[in-house]
Amino acid sequence: MDVLTEIGQVLGCGVLSIVVLFFLTRLSGKRQIAQMSTFDYVNSITIGSIAAELATNLEQWYRPMTALVLYGLATWLVHTAACKSLAARTFLSGRASTLMENGTIYKQALAKAGIDLNEFLGQARIAGYFDLNELQSAVMETSGQISFLPKSLNRPATPQDLQLHPAPAAAWTDLILDGVLQHQNLRSAGKDEKWLAQMLERQGIGQTSEVFYAACSQNGDFFACRVQ
């Protein structure tokens, strides 16, 4: 086998592994790394290693290919079972555990969660709580993140607390992205190019080609910035 033929086979197997890995990744959903269970995390590393083996094993490529499909299907089956069965979800991901409640930090809960007191205090500081007297409770989620609930007197004030009545929140629609007019979004927002030109003119922008990004809200608010 000459060098060019071997390089061509490596390229072919590499493309094949990328395609298979892409579809297997789509099957596993859109969860981020922080949302993965331990099984998902370990399985994703294993799948990546098998994909690398598939790209370089030229003589017996079908072996890593079979293993890649097997691990991908196993991940999909586990994810499907967790979505449809509470018992399976509890078995695979565990349950959320309370680490702190009413000023008491539970040592056994910290040990069970696999973190020490210093790590817990560090996570509290990252969340903005340097004084534990401000916390009502802390819960370790199944994803490994810690959720902190402040006491009523220490939580941020809301418009309801201040007896204010702000305008309802509204979603924004992208009208221009990277200097390209999004015609479908413009129609979905119930606007036209004439309206867009008027809004840009109010901000001293003469043409849409000068705009890097523009968007509008359902409440009629508008934002635009030039290409810099």
Protein backbone atom coordinates (compact mmCIF):
# COMPACT_ATOMS: atom_id res chain seq x y z
CA MET A 1 0.00 0.00 0.00
CA ASP A 2 1.57 3.30 -1.04
CA VAL A 3 1.51 6.47 1.01
CA LEU A 4 -1.18 8.24 -1.04
CA THR A 5 -3.52 5.26 -0.81
CA GLU A 6 -3.02 5.04 2.94
CA ILE A 7 -3.63 8.77 3.36
CA GLY A 8 -6.83 8.44 1.31
CA GLN A 9 -8.06 5.61 3.53
CA VAL A 10 -7.29 7.62 6.66
CA LEU A 11 -9.25 10.56 5.26
CA GLY A 12 -12.17 8.29 4.33
CA CYS A 13 -12.29 6.62 7.75
CA GLY A 14 -11.90 10.01 9.43
CA VAL A 15 -14.86 11.47 7.54
CA LEU A 16 -16.89 8.35 8.34
CA SER A 17 -16.12 8.62 12.05
CA ILE A 18 -17.06 12.32 12.05
CA VAL A 19 -20.39 11.62 10.33
CA VAL A 20 -21.27 8.77 12.68
CA LEU A 21 -20.17 10.78 15.73
CA PHE A 22 -22.30 13.73 14.58
CA PHE A 23 -25.47 11.64 14.32
CA LEU A 24 -24.80 9.88 17.62
CA THR A 25 -24.30 13.27 19.29
CA ARG A 26 -27.63 14.47 17.91
CA LEU A 27 -29.30 11.36 19.34
CA SER A 28 -27.96 12.15 22.80
CA GLY A 29 -29.83 15.48 22.92
CA LYS A 30 -28.64 19.03 23.52
CA ARG A 31 -27.60 18.84 27.14
CA GLN A 32 -24.48 20.68 28.18
CA ILE A 33 -21.56 19.05 29.99
CA ALA A 34 -22.79 20.39 33.33
CA GLN A 35 -26.15 18.70 32.74
CA MET A 36 -24.69 15.27 31.94
CA SER A 37 -24.94 12.39 34.33
CA THR A 38 -21.80 10.45 35.25
CA PHE A 39 -22.79 7.73 32.79
CA ASP A 40 -23.26 10.26 29.98
CA TYR A 41 -19.91 11.90 30.70
CA VAL A 42 -17.91 8.66 30.80
CA ASN A 43 -19.75 7.31 27.76
CA SER A 44 -19.03 10.46 25.75
CA ILE A 45 -15.30 10.11 26.47
CA THR A 46 -15.42 6.46 25.42
CA ILE A 47 -17.27 7.30 22.20
CA GLY A 48 -14.67 9.95 21.37
CA SER A 49 -11.86 7.45 21.88
CA ILE A 50 -13.58 4.87 19.68
CA ALA A 51 -14.14 7.51 16.97
CA ALA A 52 -10.42 8.28 16.99
CA GLU A 53 -9.69 4.54 16.68
CA LEU A 54 -12.09 4.31 13.75
CA ALA A 55 -10.22 7.09 11.93
CA THR A 56 -6.88 5.26 12.10
CA ASN A 57 -7.76 1.55 12.10
CA LEU A 58 -7.65 0.95 8.35
CA GLU A 59 -7.60 -2.83 8.21
CA GLN A 60 -10.37 -3.59 10.71
CA TRP A 61 -12.40 -0.39 10.68
CA TYR A 62 -15.66 -2.29 11.18
CA ARG A 63 -14.71 -3.23 14.73
CA PRO A 64 -14.53 0.33 16.16
CA MET A 65 -17.48 1.21 13.93
CA THR A 66 -19.61 -1.49 15.59
CA ALA A 67 -18.50 -0.40 19.05
CA LEU A 68 -19.23 3.24 18.22
CA VAL A 69 -22.78 2.44 17.15
CA LEU A 70 -23.27 0.23 20.22
CA TYR A 71 -22.17 2.92 22.67
CA GLY A 72 -24.23 5.53 20.86
CA LEU A 73 -27.38 3.39 21.00
CA ALA A 74 -26.73 2.64 24.68
CA THR A 75 -26.55 6.37 25.41
CA TRP A 76 -29.77 6.99 23.50
CA LEU A 77 -31.61 4.15 25.26
CA VAL A 78 -30.49 5.35 28.69
CA HIS A 79 -31.54 8.93 27.89
CA THR A 80 -34.92 7.77 26.58
CA ALA A 81 -35.52 5.62 29.66
CA ALA A 82 -34.63 8.54 31.95
CA CYS A 83 -37.08 10.81 30.11
CA LYS A 84 -39.98 8.35 30.27
CA SER A 85 -39.48 6.70 33.66
CA LEU A 86 -39.11 8.44 37.01
CA ALA A 87 -37.61 5.32 38.55
CA ALA A 88 -35.01 5.05 35.79
CA ARG A 89 -34.21 8.76 36.06
CA THR A 90 -33.72 8.46 39.82
CA PHE A 91 -31.52 5.38 39.39
CA LEU A 92 -29.37 6.96 36.68
CA SER A 93 -29.12 10.55 37.90
CA GLY A 94 -29.84 10.26 41.61
CA ARG A 95 -31.78 12.78 43.65
CA ALA A 96 -31.14 16.34 44.69
CA SER A 97 -29.81 16.56 48.25
CA THR A 98 -30.07 19.37 50.79
CA LEU A 99 -26.65 20.56 51.95
CA MET A 100 -27.79 23.42 54.19
CA GLU A 101 -31.10 24.37 55.82
CA ASN A 102 -31.96 27.07 58.37
CA GLY A 103 -28.33 27.84 59.19
CA THR A 104 -27.26 24.19 59.54
CA ILE A 105 -24.71 22.66 57.15
CA TYR A 106 -25.12 18.90 56.91
CA LYS A 107 -21.72 17.22 57.07
CA GLN A 108 -23.05 13.84 55.95
CA ALA A 109 -24.78 15.43 52.95
CA LEU A 110 -21.52 17.10 51.92
CA ALA A 111 -19.68 13.78 52.17
CA LYS A 112 -22.37 11.99 50.18
CA ALA A 113 -22.20 14.68 47.47
CA GLY A 114 -18.41 14.28 47.30
CA ILE A 115 -17.52 17.86 48.24
CA ASP A 116 -15.81 19.34 51.29
CA LEU A 117 -16.70 22.39 53.34
CA ASN A 118 -14.18 24.64 51.58
CA GLU A 119 -15.64 23.80 48.18
CA PHE A 120 -19.14 24.47 49.47
CA LEU A 121 -18.08 27.87 50.83
CA GLY A 122 -16.34 28.66 47.55
CA GLN A 123 -19.48 27.86 45.55
CA ALA A 124 -21.48 30.09 47.91
CA ARG A 125 -19.06 32.98 47.35
CA ILE A 126 -19.21 32.46 43.56
CA ALA A 127 -23.01 32.73 43.84
CA GLY A 128 -22.55 36.02 45.72
CA TYR A 129 -23.13 34.83 49.28
CA PHE A 130 -20.14 35.64 51.48
CA ASP A 131 -22.35 35.67 54.58
CA LEU A 132 -24.08 32.34 55.19
CA ASN A 133 -26.60 34.11 57.41
CA GLU A 134 -28.18 35.33 54.16
CA LEU A 135 -28.97 31.78 53.02
CA GLN A 136 -32.13 29.85 53.77
CA SER A 137 -31.01 26.62 52.09
CA ALA A 138 -28.56 25.10 49.62
CA VAL A 139 -29.34 22.10 47.41
CA MET A 140 -26.98 19.92 45.39
CA GLU A 141 -28.69 19.26 42.06
CA THR A 142 -28.30 16.02 40.13
CA SER A 143 -26.11 17.88 37.61
CA GLY A 144 -23.55 18.61 40.35
CA GLN A 145 -24.40 22.30 40.63
CA ILE A 146 -25.45 23.87 43.92
CA SER A 147 -28.61 26.00 44.07
CA PHE A 148 -28.78 28.63 46.82
CA LEU A 149 -32.02 30.03 48.21
CA PRO A 150 -31.58 33.35 50.03
CA LYS A 151 -33.72 34.37 52.96
CA SER A 152 -36.69 36.58 52.19
CA LEU A 153 -34.99 39.67 53.61
CA ASN A 154 -31.83 39.07 51.57
CA ARG A 155 -33.27 38.31 48.15
CA PRO A 156 -33.33 41.06 45.50
CA ALA A 157 -36.38 43.30 45.56
CA THR A 158 -38.97 42.66 42.87
CA PRO A 159 -41.39 45.14 41.26
CA GLN A 160 -44.14 43.46 43.28
CA ASP A 161 -42.28 44.22 46.51
CA LEU A 162 -42.04 47.89 45.48
CA GLN A 163 -45.65 47.90 44.26
CA LEU A 164 -44.55 48.83 40.76
CA HIS A 165 -46.25 47.84 37.53
CA PRO A 166 -43.63 47.66 34.74
CA ALA A 167 -44.55 46.94 31.15
CA PRO A 168 -44.76 43.24 30.28
CA ALA A 169 -41.53 41.67 29.15
CA ALA A 170 -41.34 41.03 25.41
CA ALA A 171 -39.19 38.82 23.21
CA TRP A 172 -36.79 40.38 20.74
CA THR A 173 -36.49 39.49 17.07
CA ASP A 174 -33.19 39.66 15.18
CA LEU A 175 -33.61 41.79 12.07
CA ILE A 176 -30.00 42.15 10.89
CA LEU A 177 -27.26 39.67 11.71
CA ASP A 178 -23.66 40.27 10.65
CA GLY A 179 -24.91 42.91 8.22
CA VAL A 180 -27.41 40.56 6.54
CA LEU A 181 -31.10 41.48 6.58
CA GLN A 182 -33.28 38.65 7.92
CA HIS A 183 -36.35 39.01 5.70
CA GLN A 184 -38.33 36.21 7.34
CA ASN A 185 -37.75 37.61 10.84
CA LEU A 186 -38.77 41.05 9.63
CA ARG A 187 -42.06 39.68 8.30
CA SER A 188 -42.62 37.64 11.47
CA ALA A 189 -42.28 40.82 13.51
CA GLY A 190 -44.98 42.44 11.38
CA LYS A 191 -42.58 45.01 9.95
CA ASP A 192 -41.29 45.90 6.50
CA GLU A 193 -38.13 47.37 5.06
CA LYS A 194 -39.62 50.86 4.97
CA TRP A 195 -40.22 50.76 8.72
CA LEU A 196 -36.70 49.43 9.26
CA ALA A 197 -35.22 52.24 7.18
CA GLN A 198 -37.13 54.80 9.27
CA MET A 199 -35.90 53.30 12.54
CA LEU A 200 -32.32 53.26 11.29
CA GLU A 201 -32.62 56.86 10.11
CA ARG A 202 -33.66 57.91 13.62
CA GLN A 203 -30.36 56.54 14.87
CA GLY A 204 -28.38 58.28 12.16
CA ILE A 205 -27.83 55.20 10.01
CA GLY A 206 -28.54 55.69 6.34
CA GLN A 207 -28.34 52.17 4.90
CA THR A 208 -28.79 48.64 6.18
CA SER A 209 -25.34 47.77 4.84
CA GLU A 210 -23.90 49.98 7.58
CA VAL A 211 -25.58 47.89 10.31
CA PHE A 212 -23.83 45.04 12.08
CA TYR A 213 -26.79 44.04 14.26
CA ALA A 214 -30.38 45.22 14.64
CA ALA A 215 -33.38 43.88 16.54
CA CYS A 216 -36.83 44.93 17.70
CA SER A 217 -39.14 43.83 20.50
CA GLN A 218 -42.85 43.16 20.56
CA ASN A 219 -43.23 46.30 22.66
CA GLY A 220 -41.84 48.45 19.85
CA ASP A 221 -38.32 48.90 21.24
CA PHE A 222 -35.51 48.98 18.70
CA PHE A 223 -31.75 48.47 18.82
CA ALA A 224 -29.10 48.82 16.12
CA CYS A 225 -25.33 49.18 15.99
CA ARG A 226 -22.97 49.99 13.14
CA VAL A 227 -20.23 47.81 11.70
CA GLN A 228 -17.00 48.76 13.47
